[in-house]
Protein backbone atom coordinates (compact mmCIF):
# COMPACT_ATOMS: atom_id res chain seq x y z
CA UNK A 1 22.14 -13.19 13.88
CA UNK A 2 18.94 -12.14 12.12
CA UNK A 3 15.90 -13.43 13.97
CA UNK A 4 12.15 -13.33 13.50
CA UNK A 5 10.30 -10.96 15.78
CA UNK A 6 7.13 -12.13 17.50
CA UNK A 7 4.01 -10.23 16.46
CA UNK A 8 3.52 -9.04 20.02
CA UNK A 9 6.87 -7.24 19.77
CA UNK A 10 6.33 -5.50 16.41
CA UNK A 11 5.84 -2.22 18.27
CA UNK A 12 9.57 -2.20 19.01
CA UNK A 13 10.15 -1.35 15.34
CA UNK A 14 7.67 1.52 15.15
CA UNK A 15 10.26 4.21 15.88
CA UNK A 16 12.44 2.85 13.05
CA UNK A 17 9.79 3.24 10.34
CA UNK A 18 10.02 6.23 8.00
CA UNK A 19 6.80 8.25 8.37
CA UNK A 20 7.18 9.47 4.77
CA UNK A 21 7.83 5.96 3.48
CA UNK A 22 5.58 3.16 2.29
CA UNK A 23 2.22 2.74 4.00
CA UNK A 24 2.64 -1.05 3.97
CA UNK A 25 5.49 -0.89 6.49
CA UNK A 26 3.41 1.05 9.01
CA UNK A 27 0.38 -1.22 8.48
CA UNK A 28 2.37 -4.35 9.32
CA UNK A 29 4.39 -2.93 12.21
CA UNK A 30 1.13 -1.75 13.78
CA UNK A 31 -0.35 -5.26 13.30
CA UNK A 32 -3.19 -4.06 11.10
CA UNK A 33 -2.21 -6.23 8.14
CA UNK A 34 -0.45 -9.60 8.30
CA UNK A 35 3.29 -9.84 7.75
CA UNK A 36 6.54 -11.06 9.27
CA UNK A 37 9.47 -9.03 10.60
CA UNK A 38 13.10 -10.13 10.93
CA UNK A 39 15.56 -7.99 12.92
CA UNK A 40 19.15 -7.80 14.09
CA UNK A 41 18.18 -7.84 17.79
CA UNK A 42 14.77 -8.98 19.03
CA UNK A 43 15.18 -7.02 22.28
CA UNK A 44 16.41 -3.75 20.82
CA UNK A 45 16.16 -3.78 17.00
CA UNK A 46 18.10 -1.25 14.95
CA UNK A 47 17.61 -2.72 11.46
CA UNK A 48 15.23 -5.19 9.94
CA UNK A 49 13.24 -6.46 6.99
CA UNK A 50 9.48 -6.79 6.69
CA UNK A 51 7.99 -9.64 4.65
CA UNK A 52 4.61 -8.47 3.37
CA UNK A 53 1.83 -10.86 4.26
CA UNK A 54 0.57 -10.96 0.68
CA UNK A 55 4.05 -12.16 -0.43
CA UNK A 56 4.38 -9.03 -2.54
CA UNK A 57 7.88 -8.20 -1.37
CA UNK A 58 10.24 -7.22 1.43
CA UNK A 59 10.89 -3.80 2.97
CA UNK A 60 14.25 -2.98 4.58
CA UNK A 61 13.95 -0.48 7.43
CA UNK A 62 15.96 1.14 10.19
CA UNK A 63 19.71 1.81 10.20
CA UNK A 64 21.12 1.13 6.72
CA UNK A 65 24.70 1.38 8.09
CA UNK A 66 24.28 -1.53 10.47
CA UNK A 67 27.23 -3.64 9.27
CA UNK A 68 26.34 -6.63 11.44
CA UNK A 69 22.88 -6.86 9.87
CA UNK A 70 24.04 -6.22 6.31
CA UNK A 71 26.89 -8.74 6.54
CA UNK A 72 24.43 -11.50 7.50
CA UNK A 73 21.78 -10.67 4.85
CA UNK A 74 22.82 -13.05 2.08
CA UNK A 75 23.30 -16.00 4.39
CA UNK A 76 19.92 -15.23 5.98
CA UNK A 77 18.20 -15.13 2.58
CA UNK A 78 19.89 -18.32 1.37
CA UNK A 79 19.14 -20.38 4.47
CA UNK A 80 15.95 -18.91 5.91
CA UNK A 81 13.99 -16.90 3.37
CA UNK A 82 14.42 -19.26 0.41
CA UNK A 83 13.27 -22.24 2.49
CA UNK A 84 10.21 -20.29 3.65
CA UNK A 85 9.55 -18.95 0.16
CA UNK A 86 9.39 -22.46 -1.29
CA UNK A 87 6.51 -23.26 1.07
CA UNK A 88 4.41 -20.55 -0.57
CA UNK A 89 5.83 -21.10 -4.09
CA UNK A 90 7.53 -17.69 -4.12
CA UNK A 91 10.29 -17.62 -6.73
CA UNK A 92 11.49 -14.00 -6.56
CA UNK A 93 12.93 -11.77 -3.88
CA UNK A 94 11.44 -8.33 -4.47
CA UNK A 95 12.65 -5.65 -2.10
CA UNK A 96 12.62 -1.92 -1.41
CA UNK A 97 14.12 0.42 1.14
CA UNK A 98 11.87 2.20 3.61
CA UNK A 99 14.04 5.25 2.92
CA UNK A 100 16.27 5.96 -0.09
CA UNK A 101 19.58 5.45 1.76
CA UNK A 102 18.84 1.73 1.58
CA UNK A 103 19.13 1.76 -2.23
CA UNK A 104 22.94 1.76 -2.39
CA UNK A 105 23.08 -0.80 0.42
CA UNK A 106 20.74 -3.15 -1.45
CA UNK A 107 22.68 -2.72 -4.70
CA UNK A 108 25.99 -3.45 -2.94
CA UNK A 109 24.73 -6.37 -0.83
CA UNK A 110 23.19 -8.17 -3.81
CA UNK A 111 25.63 -7.11 -6.55
CA UNK A 112 26.65 -10.74 -7.09
CA UNK A 113 23.07 -11.66 -8.00
CA UNK A 114 21.21 -10.82 -11.22
CA UNK A 115 19.58 -7.78 -9.67
CA UNK A 116 16.65 -6.21 -11.50
CA UNK A 117 15.47 -2.66 -10.85
CA UNK A 118 12.30 -0.65 -11.44
CA UNK A 119 10.62 2.60 -10.39
CA UNK A 120 7.51 2.84 -8.25
CA UNK A 121 5.10 5.78 -7.96
CA UNK A 122 2.93 6.64 -4.97
CA UNK A 123 -0.20 8.76 -5.29
CA UNK A 124 -2.53 10.28 -2.72
CA UNK A 125 -5.60 12.48 -2.84
CA UNK A 126 -5.08 16.07 -1.75
CA UNK A 127 -8.06 18.20 -0.58
CA UNK A 128 -10.03 19.55 -3.51
CA UNK A 129 -8.24 17.48 -6.16
CA UNK A 130 -10.88 14.80 -6.79
CA UNK A 131 -12.07 14.78 -10.42
CA UNK A 132 -15.58 13.43 -10.02
CA UNK A 133 -16.56 14.47 -13.53
CA UNK A 134 -14.15 11.90 -14.98
CA UNK A 135 -16.17 8.92 -13.72
CA UNK A 136 -16.74 6.74 -16.82
CA UNK A 137 -19.97 5.10 -17.87
CA UNK A 138 -19.86 1.31 -18.09
CA UNK A 139 -22.05 -1.22 -19.91
CA UNK A 140 -25.42 -1.83 -18.25
CA UNK A 141 -24.69 -5.52 -17.67
CA UNK A 142 -22.03 -4.49 -15.13
CA UNK A 143 -23.33 -3.57 -11.67
CA UNK A 144 -21.34 -1.85 -8.91
CA UNK A 145 -21.77 -3.27 -5.39
CA UNK A 146 -20.28 -2.25 -2.06
CA UNK A 147 -18.39 -5.03 -0.29
CA UNK A 148 -20.45 -6.32 2.63
CA UNK A 149 -21.25 -9.49 4.58
CA UNK A 150 -23.72 -10.66 1.94
CA UNK A 151 -21.12 -10.88 -0.83
CA UNK A 152 -18.80 -12.97 1.33
CA UNK A 153 -21.34 -15.21 3.06
CA UNK A 154 -23.26 -15.86 -0.15
CA UNK A 155 -25.31 -18.56 1.57
CA UNK A 156 -27.45 -19.46 -1.43
CA UNK A 157 -24.62 -19.05 -3.93
CA UNK A 158 -26.33 -16.38 -6.05
CA UNK A 159 -22.99 -14.72 -6.84
CA UNK A 160 -19.68 -16.37 -7.74
CA UNK A 161 -17.26 -14.73 -5.32
CA UNK A 162 -14.07 -16.83 -5.44
CA UNK A 163 -12.16 -13.95 -7.03
CA UNK A 164 -13.24 -11.62 -4.22
CA UNK A 165 -12.44 -14.14 -1.49
CA UNK A 166 -8.99 -14.79 -2.94
CA UNK A 167 -8.11 -11.10 -3.23
CA UNK A 168 -9.15 -10.22 0.32
CA UNK A 169 -7.30 -13.22 1.77
CA UNK A 170 -4.06 -11.96 0.19
CA UNK A 171 -4.10 -8.88 2.42
CA UNK A 172 -6.17 -9.75 5.49
CA UNK A 173 -6.14 -12.43 8.19
CA UNK A 174 -9.91 -12.79 7.91
CA UNK A 175 -12.94 -11.42 6.08
CA UNK A 176 -14.26 -10.12 9.41
CA UNK A 177 -11.11 -8.10 10.02
CA UNK A 178 -11.32 -6.59 6.56
CA UNK A 179 -14.98 -5.63 6.96
CA UNK A 180 -14.22 -4.12 10.37
CA UNK A 181 -11.30 -2.00 9.15
CA UNK A 182 -11.45 -1.64 5.38
CA UNK A 183 -13.86 -0.72 2.64
CA UNK A 184 -14.29 -1.74 -0.94
CA UNK A 185 -16.37 -2.03 -4.07
CA UNK A 186 -16.74 -4.65 -6.75
CA UNK A 187 -18.43 -5.08 -10.10
CA UNK A 188 -20.77 -7.97 -10.77
CA UNK A 189 -21.39 -9.38 -14.25
CA UNK A 190 -23.93 -12.18 -14.74
CA UNK A 191 -23.74 -13.13 -11.05
CA UNK A 192 -19.94 -13.20 -11.00
CA UNK A 193 -17.61 -10.70 -9.35
CA UNK A 194 -15.22 -9.59 -12.09
CA UNK A 195 -13.55 -6.43 -10.71
CA UNK A 196 -12.55 -5.36 -7.19
CA UNK A 197 -11.23 -2.20 -5.53
CA UNK A 198 -10.59 -2.29 -1.78
CA UNK A 199 -8.39 -1.30 1.16
CA UNK A 200 -5.30 -3.49 0.80
CA UNK A 201 -3.28 -1.92 3.61
CA UNK A 202 -4.38 0.61 6.24
CA UNK A 203 -2.44 2.96 8.51
CA UNK A 204 -4.40 5.53 10.48
CA UNK A 205 -6.96 7.07 8.14
CA UNK A 206 -4.94 6.25 5.01
CA UNK A 207 -6.20 3.38 2.85
CA UNK A 208 -3.90 1.81 0.25
CA UNK A 209 -5.94 0.82 -2.80
CA UNK A 210 -5.69 -2.61 -4.34
CA UNK A 211 -7.55 -2.98 -7.60
CA UNK A 212 -7.86 -5.77 -10.15
CA UNK A 213 -10.16 -6.79 -12.99
CA UNK A 214 -10.39 -10.29 -14.41
CA UNK A 215 -8.62 -10.46 -17.77
CA UNK A 216 -11.76 -11.27 -19.78
CA UNK A 217 -13.34 -8.01 -18.58
CA UNK A 218 -10.40 -5.64 -18.91
CA UNK A 219 -10.54 -2.65 -21.23
CA UNK A 220 -14.10 -1.72 -20.24
CA UNK A 221 -13.20 1.03 -17.73
CA UNK A 222 -14.38 -1.13 -14.83
CA UNK A 223 -11.33 -0.39 -12.68
CA UNK A 224 -11.67 3.33 -13.22
CA UNK A 225 -15.37 3.19 -12.36
CA UNK A 226 -15.03 1.40 -9.01
CA UNK A 227 -11.93 3.43 -8.14
CA UNK A 228 -14.20 6.48 -8.26
CA UNK A 229 -16.67 4.79 -5.91
CA UNK A 230 -13.87 3.91 -3.51
CA UNK A 231 -12.44 7.44 -3.53
CA UNK A 232 -15.88 9.00 -3.02
CA UNK A 233 -16.41 6.68 -0.04
CA UNK A 234 -13.06 7.80 1.41
CA UNK A 235 -13.95 11.48 0.98
CA UNK A 236 -17.33 11.01 2.68
CA UNK A 237 -15.66 9.28 5.65
CA UNK A 238 -12.59 11.56 6.00
CA UNK A 239 -10.23 8.85 4.77
CA UNK A 240 -7.25 9.33 2.48
CA UNK A 241 -6.90 7.06 -0.60
CA UNK A 242 -3.32 6.00 -1.36
CA UNK A 243 -2.23 4.41 -4.65
CA UNK A 244 1.10 2.61 -5.17
CA UNK A 245 1.97 1.32 -8.65
CA UNK A 246 4.87 0.60 -10.97
CA UNK A 247 5.89 3.52 -13.17
CA UNK A 248 5.74 1.25 -16.23
CA UNK A 249 2.13 0.27 -15.43
CA UNK A 250 0.66 3.00 -17.63
CA UNK A 251 -3.01 1.95 -17.23
CA UNK A 252 -2.73 2.10 -13.44
CA UNK A 253 -0.95 5.47 -13.55
CA UNK A 254 -3.66 6.77 -15.89
CA UNK A 255 -6.49 5.69 -13.57
CA UNK A 256 -4.83 7.36 -10.58
CA UNK A 257 -4.22 10.62 -12.41
CA UNK A 258 -7.66 10.69 -14.07
CA UNK A 259 -9.29 10.52 -10.65
CA UNK A 260 -7.18 13.41 -9.39
CA UNK A 261 -4.66 11.59 -7.23
CA UNK A 262 -1.34 13.41 -6.97
CA UNK A 263 2.12 11.81 -7.15
CA UNK A 264 3.56 12.41 -3.66
CA UNK A 265 6.79 10.40 -3.82
CA UNK A 266 8.64 7.74 -5.81
CA UNK A 267 10.98 4.94 -4.82
CA UNK A 268 13.08 2.19 -6.40
CA UNK A 269 12.35 -1.53 -6.27
CA UNK A 270 14.80 -4.40 -6.77
CA UNK A 271 14.43 -8.11 -7.47
CA UNK A 272 16.35 -11.31 -8.08
CA UNK A 273 15.33 -14.89 -8.67
CA UNK A 274 15.63 -17.56 -5.99
CA UNK A 275 16.39 -20.13 -8.70
């Protein structure tokens, strides 16, 4: 039986997480970022799957040869995950393996489904690699601001911050927890926040970057500009920026490489529709 693990017991999975794998898995197991974990044995787990709190996918971890766990996967997805996914209007099961041996297991377990596949690239900043001279100029109407209490509290409503609030709530239980643990920058245009770059997931001193610009303001180098501010902040505070993006997302890859981030590993992602 695959059962959900209580948050107070997440530490039981720590030894099963690949240290060279995705940062998101560590962040959730260590209860830094929100998420859910389902395992083969709540008392002594050997295999499991993490459901990212931002509903951005599932990570299989632990023993990929655990036949008891693998045999129950499809029934578990059909009767537990799909029902839960409907509550949050999630229509796709997107998954990855915490280490590459899971790839063949995932492909075999879900071979009867219309399984999609893509490549993911992970970047990190190595000492001395930052390309500060590549920071682009942006139009004067756009102003860079560091994320702080003022932008979230916004008592007199001088700045429209719904975009910011929504993005942070995807990754964090509360604004206070984000401000206590993470860092971030945004760009304001005519009293509206139109671009954000912040710590999505955190593990140790490594901060996984989440970045997004509203569609109407894309193509103006805003993302690249605040990414530089975020990276400079990390360097000043002995933090390591970490960037995870799809290989086919050429603009995101370009921003990472222009800043000086180095591709440290790649992995494969899979998906299938719940419908």
